[in-house]
Amino acid sequence: MAIDSVVVRQRVEGLDAAVPFYEKLTGSTASRFAFAGVTLASVGPFLLFAGPDEAVQRVAGVAATLAVADLDAAVKEAGAGGAEIVMPIQPTPNGRRAVLRHPHGGVFEYVGP
């Protein structure tokens, strides 16, 4: 399994106020979307998110997003290595995702086709 990129997650009070800073910092244009009651913006290597505490807690518990070329293989390999599948593979607005707890305690979202 190869990790193609790592996306850093950052909770913000409001996307409208935060996005311009991250667009300037990264030279990227934000892509905005909503998922599970949370509004999000992907800007370069950052995933900004905002929303009510209850909804945000589901997103905030994940340390980072790991993009992989083959999600099925990555989840299988991580599981074989001792990772616990917290959330099995499911569709999202941007592809598919799974959430795994690594053997040493870190919780990561895996995304890919």
N, C-alpha and C. Protein backbone atom coordinates (compact mmCIF):
# COMPACT_ATOMS: atom_id res chain seq x y z
N MET A 1 0.85 -1.17 0.00
CA MET A 1 0.00 0.00 0.00
C MET A 1 0.90 1.24 0.00
N ALA A 2 0.55 2.18 -0.83
CA ALA A 2 1.26 3.45 -0.86
C ALA A 2 0.27 4.56 -0.54
N ILE A 3 0.69 5.48 0.30
CA ILE A 3 -0.13 6.65 0.59
C ILE A 3 0.29 7.74 -0.39
N ASP A 4 -0.65 8.20 -1.21
CA ASP A 4 -0.36 9.19 -2.24
C ASP A 4 -0.23 10.60 -1.68
N SER A 5 -1.03 10.92 -0.67
CA SER A 5 -0.96 12.24 -0.05
C SER A 5 -1.63 12.21 1.31
N VAL A 6 -1.28 13.20 2.12
CA VAL A 6 -1.86 13.34 3.45
C VAL A 6 -2.54 14.71 3.50
N VAL A 7 -3.77 14.72 3.97
CA VAL A 7 -4.54 15.96 4.09
C VAL A 7 -4.67 16.29 5.57
N VAL A 8 -4.25 17.49 5.93
CA VAL A 8 -4.32 17.95 7.31
C VAL A 8 -5.71 18.51 7.57
N ARG A 9 -6.33 18.09 8.66
CA ARG A 9 -7.67 18.56 9.02
C ARG A 9 -7.57 19.72 9.99
N GLN A 10 -8.41 20.74 9.77
CA GLN A 10 -8.41 21.91 10.64
C GLN A 10 -9.83 22.41 10.84
N ARG A 11 -10.27 22.41 12.10
CA ARG A 11 -11.57 22.98 12.40
C ARG A 11 -11.44 24.50 12.41
N VAL A 12 -12.42 25.18 11.81
CA VAL A 12 -12.45 26.64 11.80
C VAL A 12 -13.84 27.09 12.23
N GLU A 13 -13.93 28.32 12.70
CA GLU A 13 -15.23 28.84 13.13
C GLU A 13 -16.16 29.08 11.95
N GLY A 14 -15.62 29.53 10.82
CA GLY A 14 -16.43 29.77 9.64
C GLY A 14 -15.56 29.66 8.39
N LEU A 15 -16.06 28.96 7.40
CA LEU A 15 -15.28 28.79 6.17
C LEU A 15 -15.06 30.10 5.43
N ASP A 16 -16.07 30.96 5.42
CA ASP A 16 -15.93 32.21 4.67
C ASP A 16 -14.76 33.04 5.17
N ALA A 17 -14.52 33.04 6.45
CA ALA A 17 -13.41 33.81 7.02
C ALA A 17 -12.07 33.10 6.82
N ALA A 18 -12.06 31.77 6.87
CA ALA A 18 -10.80 31.01 6.84
C ALA A 18 -10.29 30.71 5.43
N VAL A 19 -11.18 30.44 4.50
CA VAL A 19 -10.76 30.00 3.17
C VAL A 19 -9.79 30.95 2.48
N PRO A 20 -10.02 32.27 2.47
CA PRO A 20 -9.08 33.15 1.77
C PRO A 20 -7.63 33.03 2.26
N PHE A 21 -7.44 32.86 3.56
CA PHE A 21 -6.09 32.69 4.10
C PHE A 21 -5.43 31.45 3.51
N TYR A 22 -6.15 30.32 3.52
CA TYR A 22 -5.58 29.07 3.04
C TYR A 22 -5.41 29.06 1.52
N GLU A 23 -6.29 29.74 0.80
CA GLU A 23 -6.11 29.86 -0.65
C GLU A 23 -4.83 30.63 -0.96
N LYS A 24 -4.60 31.71 -0.24
CA LYS A 24 -3.38 32.52 -0.45
C LYS A 24 -2.15 31.72 -0.03
N LEU A 25 -2.22 31.04 1.09
CA LEU A 25 -1.11 30.26 1.61
C LEU A 25 -0.69 29.16 0.64
N THR A 26 -1.66 28.48 0.04
CA THR A 26 -1.37 27.32 -0.80
C THR A 26 -1.34 27.62 -2.29
N GLY A 27 -1.91 28.77 -2.69
CA GLY A 27 -2.02 29.06 -4.12
C GLY A 27 -3.08 28.20 -4.80
N SER A 28 -3.97 27.62 -4.02
CA SER A 28 -5.03 26.74 -4.53
C SER A 28 -6.39 27.38 -4.33
N THR A 29 -7.34 26.99 -5.16
CA THR A 29 -8.73 27.42 -5.00
C THR A 29 -9.47 26.37 -4.19
N ALA A 30 -10.25 26.81 -3.24
CA ALA A 30 -10.99 25.89 -2.38
C ALA A 30 -12.11 25.19 -3.14
N SER A 31 -12.29 23.94 -2.80
CA SER A 31 -13.43 23.16 -3.28
C SER A 31 -14.31 22.91 -2.06
N ARG A 32 -15.53 23.44 -2.07
CA ARG A 32 -16.41 23.34 -0.91
C ARG A 32 -17.45 22.24 -1.10
N PHE A 33 -17.80 21.60 0.01
CA PHE A 33 -18.83 20.58 -0.02
C PHE A 33 -19.36 20.37 1.39
N ALA A 34 -20.43 19.62 1.51
CA ALA A 34 -21.01 19.31 2.81
C ALA A 34 -21.06 17.81 2.98
N PHE A 35 -20.92 17.37 4.23
CA PHE A 35 -20.97 15.93 4.52
C PHE A 35 -21.38 15.76 5.98
N ALA A 36 -22.41 14.99 6.21
CA ALA A 36 -22.85 14.61 7.56
C ALA A 36 -23.06 15.82 8.48
N GLY A 37 -23.65 16.88 7.97
CA GLY A 37 -23.96 18.05 8.78
C GLY A 37 -22.81 19.01 8.98
N VAL A 38 -21.71 18.79 8.28
CA VAL A 38 -20.52 19.63 8.40
C VAL A 38 -20.25 20.27 7.04
N THR A 39 -19.85 21.54 7.03
CA THR A 39 -19.42 22.17 5.78
C THR A 39 -17.90 22.09 5.74
N LEU A 40 -17.38 21.77 4.55
CA LEU A 40 -15.95 21.55 4.40
C LEU A 40 -15.41 22.30 3.20
N ALA A 41 -14.12 22.55 3.23
CA ALA A 41 -13.42 23.14 2.09
C ALA A 41 -12.06 22.47 1.98
N SER A 42 -11.79 21.91 0.82
CA SER A 42 -10.49 21.33 0.53
C SER A 42 -9.65 22.40 -0.15
N VAL A 43 -8.51 22.75 0.47
CA VAL A 43 -7.63 23.79 -0.06
C VAL A 43 -6.20 23.26 0.01
N GLY A 44 -5.64 22.89 -1.13
CA GLY A 44 -4.30 22.31 -1.13
C GLY A 44 -4.27 21.11 -0.19
N PRO A 45 -3.30 21.05 0.72
CA PRO A 45 -3.22 19.91 1.63
C PRO A 45 -4.06 20.05 2.90
N PHE A 46 -4.96 21.02 2.94
CA PHE A 46 -5.79 21.26 4.11
C PHE A 46 -7.24 20.91 3.85
N LEU A 47 -7.89 20.33 4.85
CA LEU A 47 -9.33 20.13 4.84
C LEU A 47 -9.89 20.93 6.00
N LEU A 48 -10.52 22.04 5.67
CA LEU A 48 -11.12 22.90 6.69
C LEU A 48 -12.55 22.45 6.90
N PHE A 49 -13.02 22.50 8.15
CA PHE A 49 -14.40 22.10 8.41
C PHE A 49 -15.00 22.95 9.51
N ALA A 50 -16.30 23.15 9.41
CA ALA A 50 -17.04 23.96 10.37
C ALA A 50 -18.44 23.40 10.52
N GLY A 51 -19.04 23.67 11.65
CA GLY A 51 -20.41 23.24 11.87
C GLY A 51 -20.70 23.13 13.35
N PRO A 52 -21.90 22.66 13.66
CA PRO A 52 -22.29 22.50 15.07
C PRO A 52 -21.40 21.46 15.76
N ASP A 53 -21.14 21.67 17.04
CA ASP A 53 -20.24 20.78 17.80
C ASP A 53 -20.56 19.31 17.61
N GLU A 54 -21.83 18.96 17.70
CA GLU A 54 -22.21 17.54 17.61
C GLU A 54 -21.79 16.93 16.27
N ALA A 55 -22.02 17.64 15.18
CA ALA A 55 -21.66 17.14 13.86
C ALA A 55 -20.14 17.15 13.67
N VAL A 56 -19.48 18.19 14.13
CA VAL A 56 -18.04 18.34 13.94
C VAL A 56 -17.26 17.27 14.71
N GLN A 57 -17.77 16.82 15.84
CA GLN A 57 -17.06 15.81 16.62
C GLN A 57 -16.80 14.54 15.83
N ARG A 58 -17.70 14.20 14.91
CA ARG A 58 -17.51 13.01 14.07
C ARG A 58 -16.33 13.20 13.13
N VAL A 59 -16.07 14.42 12.71
CA VAL A 59 -14.97 14.72 11.79
C VAL A 59 -13.68 14.98 12.57
N ALA A 60 -13.78 15.65 13.70
CA ALA A 60 -12.61 16.08 14.46
C ALA A 60 -11.84 14.92 15.09
N GLY A 61 -12.46 13.78 15.27
CA GLY A 61 -11.79 12.64 15.89
C GLY A 61 -10.79 11.94 14.99
N VAL A 62 -10.70 12.36 13.74
CA VAL A 62 -9.79 11.75 12.78
C VAL A 62 -8.57 12.65 12.64
N ALA A 63 -7.38 12.08 12.79
CA ALA A 63 -6.15 12.87 12.78
C ALA A 63 -5.81 13.45 11.41
N ALA A 64 -6.02 12.68 10.35
CA ALA A 64 -5.67 13.13 9.00
C ALA A 64 -6.38 12.25 7.99
N THR A 65 -6.39 12.72 6.76
CA THR A 65 -6.96 11.95 5.65
C THR A 65 -5.81 11.45 4.79
N LEU A 66 -5.80 10.17 4.50
CA LEU A 66 -4.76 9.55 3.70
C LEU A 66 -5.35 9.14 2.35
N ALA A 67 -4.86 9.73 1.27
CA ALA A 67 -5.34 9.38 -0.06
C ALA A 67 -4.52 8.21 -0.59
N VAL A 68 -5.23 7.21 -1.10
CA VAL A 68 -4.58 6.01 -1.64
C VAL A 68 -5.15 5.70 -3.02
N ALA A 69 -4.36 5.03 -3.83
CA ALA A 69 -4.78 4.70 -5.20
C ALA A 69 -5.78 3.55 -5.23
N ASP A 70 -5.70 2.65 -4.26
CA ASP A 70 -6.59 1.48 -4.22
C ASP A 70 -7.12 1.34 -2.79
N LEU A 71 -8.30 1.89 -2.56
CA LEU A 71 -8.87 1.90 -1.20
C LEU A 71 -9.11 0.50 -0.68
N ASP A 72 -9.65 -0.38 -1.50
CA ASP A 72 -9.93 -1.75 -1.05
C ASP A 72 -8.65 -2.44 -0.57
N ALA A 73 -7.58 -2.33 -1.36
CA ALA A 73 -6.32 -2.96 -1.00
C ALA A 73 -5.72 -2.32 0.25
N ALA A 74 -5.81 -1.00 0.36
CA ALA A 74 -5.25 -0.31 1.52
C ALA A 74 -5.94 -0.72 2.81
N VAL A 75 -7.25 -0.80 2.79
CA VAL A 75 -8.00 -1.20 3.98
C VAL A 75 -7.68 -2.65 4.34
N LYS A 76 -7.60 -3.50 3.35
CA LYS A 76 -7.28 -4.91 3.59
C LYS A 76 -5.88 -5.04 4.20
N GLU A 77 -4.91 -4.34 3.63
CA GLU A 77 -3.54 -4.42 4.11
C GLU A 77 -3.40 -3.84 5.52
N ALA A 78 -4.04 -2.70 5.77
CA ALA A 78 -3.99 -2.10 7.11
C ALA A 78 -4.63 -3.02 8.13
N GLY A 79 -5.77 -3.61 7.76
CA GLY A 79 -6.44 -4.55 8.65
C GLY A 79 -5.57 -5.76 8.97
N ALA A 80 -4.89 -6.28 7.97
CA ALA A 80 -4.00 -7.41 8.17
C ALA A 80 -2.83 -7.05 9.07
N GLY A 81 -2.48 -5.76 9.09
CA GLY A 81 -1.39 -5.29 9.93
C GLY A 81 -1.82 -4.93 11.34
N GLY A 82 -3.10 -5.10 11.64
CA GLY A 82 -3.57 -4.83 13.00
C GLY A 82 -4.47 -3.63 13.16
N ALA A 83 -4.76 -2.91 12.08
CA ALA A 83 -5.67 -1.75 12.18
C ALA A 83 -7.10 -2.25 12.37
N GLU A 84 -7.85 -1.48 13.14
CA GLU A 84 -9.27 -1.77 13.38
C GLU A 84 -10.11 -0.91 12.44
N ILE A 85 -11.05 -1.53 11.76
CA ILE A 85 -11.94 -0.78 10.88
C ILE A 85 -13.03 -0.15 11.73
N VAL A 86 -12.95 1.16 11.88
CA VAL A 86 -13.93 1.92 12.66
C VAL A 86 -15.18 2.16 11.82
N MET A 87 -14.97 2.47 10.54
CA MET A 87 -16.07 2.68 9.60
C MET A 87 -15.67 2.01 8.28
N PRO A 88 -16.45 1.04 7.83
CA PRO A 88 -16.10 0.36 6.59
C PRO A 88 -16.21 1.29 5.38
N ILE A 89 -15.71 0.83 4.27
CA ILE A 89 -15.73 1.62 3.04
C ILE A 89 -17.17 2.00 2.71
N GLN A 90 -17.34 3.29 2.38
CA GLN A 90 -18.65 3.80 2.00
C GLN A 90 -18.48 4.94 1.00
N PRO A 91 -19.50 5.21 0.20
CA PRO A 91 -19.41 6.32 -0.76
C PRO A 91 -19.50 7.67 -0.05
N THR A 92 -18.86 8.68 -0.66
CA THR A 92 -18.90 10.06 -0.17
C THR A 92 -19.12 10.97 -1.37
N PRO A 93 -19.30 12.26 -1.15
CA PRO A 93 -19.47 13.18 -2.28
C PRO A 93 -18.23 13.23 -3.20
N ASN A 94 -17.07 12.80 -2.67
CA ASN A 94 -15.82 12.90 -3.44
C ASN A 94 -15.17 11.55 -3.73
N GLY A 95 -15.89 10.47 -3.68
CA GLY A 95 -15.29 9.15 -3.90
C GLY A 95 -15.76 8.17 -2.85
N ARG A 96 -14.81 7.45 -2.26
CA ARG A 96 -15.14 6.50 -1.19
C ARG A 96 -14.18 6.71 -0.03
N ARG A 97 -14.61 6.28 1.16
CA ARG A 97 -13.79 6.46 2.35
C ARG A 97 -13.99 5.32 3.33
N ALA A 98 -13.01 5.15 4.20
CA ALA A 98 -13.09 4.25 5.34
C ALA A 98 -12.31 4.91 6.47
N VAL A 99 -12.66 4.58 7.69
CA VAL A 99 -11.94 5.12 8.85
C VAL A 99 -11.35 3.94 9.62
N LEU A 100 -10.05 4.04 9.89
CA LEU A 100 -9.35 2.97 10.57
C LEU A 100 -8.60 3.50 11.79
N ARG A 101 -8.53 2.69 12.83
CA ARG A 101 -7.71 3.00 14.01
C ARG A 101 -6.46 2.14 13.88
N HIS A 102 -5.32 2.80 13.77
CA HIS A 102 -4.06 2.08 13.64
C HIS A 102 -3.71 1.39 14.95
N PRO A 103 -2.88 0.37 14.90
CA PRO A 103 -2.56 -0.41 16.11
C PRO A 103 -2.00 0.43 17.27
N HIS A 104 -1.46 1.60 16.95
CA HIS A 104 -0.86 2.44 18.00
C HIS A 104 -1.80 3.55 18.45
N GLY A 105 -3.07 3.51 17.99
CA GLY A 105 -4.10 4.41 18.50
C GLY A 105 -4.56 5.52 17.59
N GLY A 106 -3.80 5.91 16.59
CA GLY A 106 -4.21 6.99 15.69
C GLY A 106 -5.39 6.59 14.83
N VAL A 107 -6.32 7.52 14.63
CA VAL A 107 -7.50 7.27 13.80
C VAL A 107 -7.34 8.08 12.52
N PHE A 108 -7.45 7.40 11.36
CA PHE A 108 -7.22 8.02 10.07
C PHE A 108 -8.34 7.68 9.10
N GLU A 109 -8.68 8.66 8.27
CA GLU A 109 -9.62 8.44 7.19
C GLU A 109 -8.80 8.07 5.96
N TYR A 110 -9.17 7.00 5.30
CA TYR A 110 -8.56 6.61 4.03
C TYR A 110 -9.55 6.96 2.93
N VAL A 111 -9.10 7.60 1.88
CA VAL A 111 -9.98 7.93 0.75
C VAL A 111 -9.34 7.45 -0.55
N GLY A 112 -10.21 7.11 -1.49
CA GLY A 112 -9.72 6.68 -2.79
C GLY A 112 -10.87 6.14 -3.63
N PRO A 113 -10.50 5.74 -4.81
CA PRO A 113 -11.52 5.19 -5.72
C PRO A 113 -11.97 3.81 -5.29
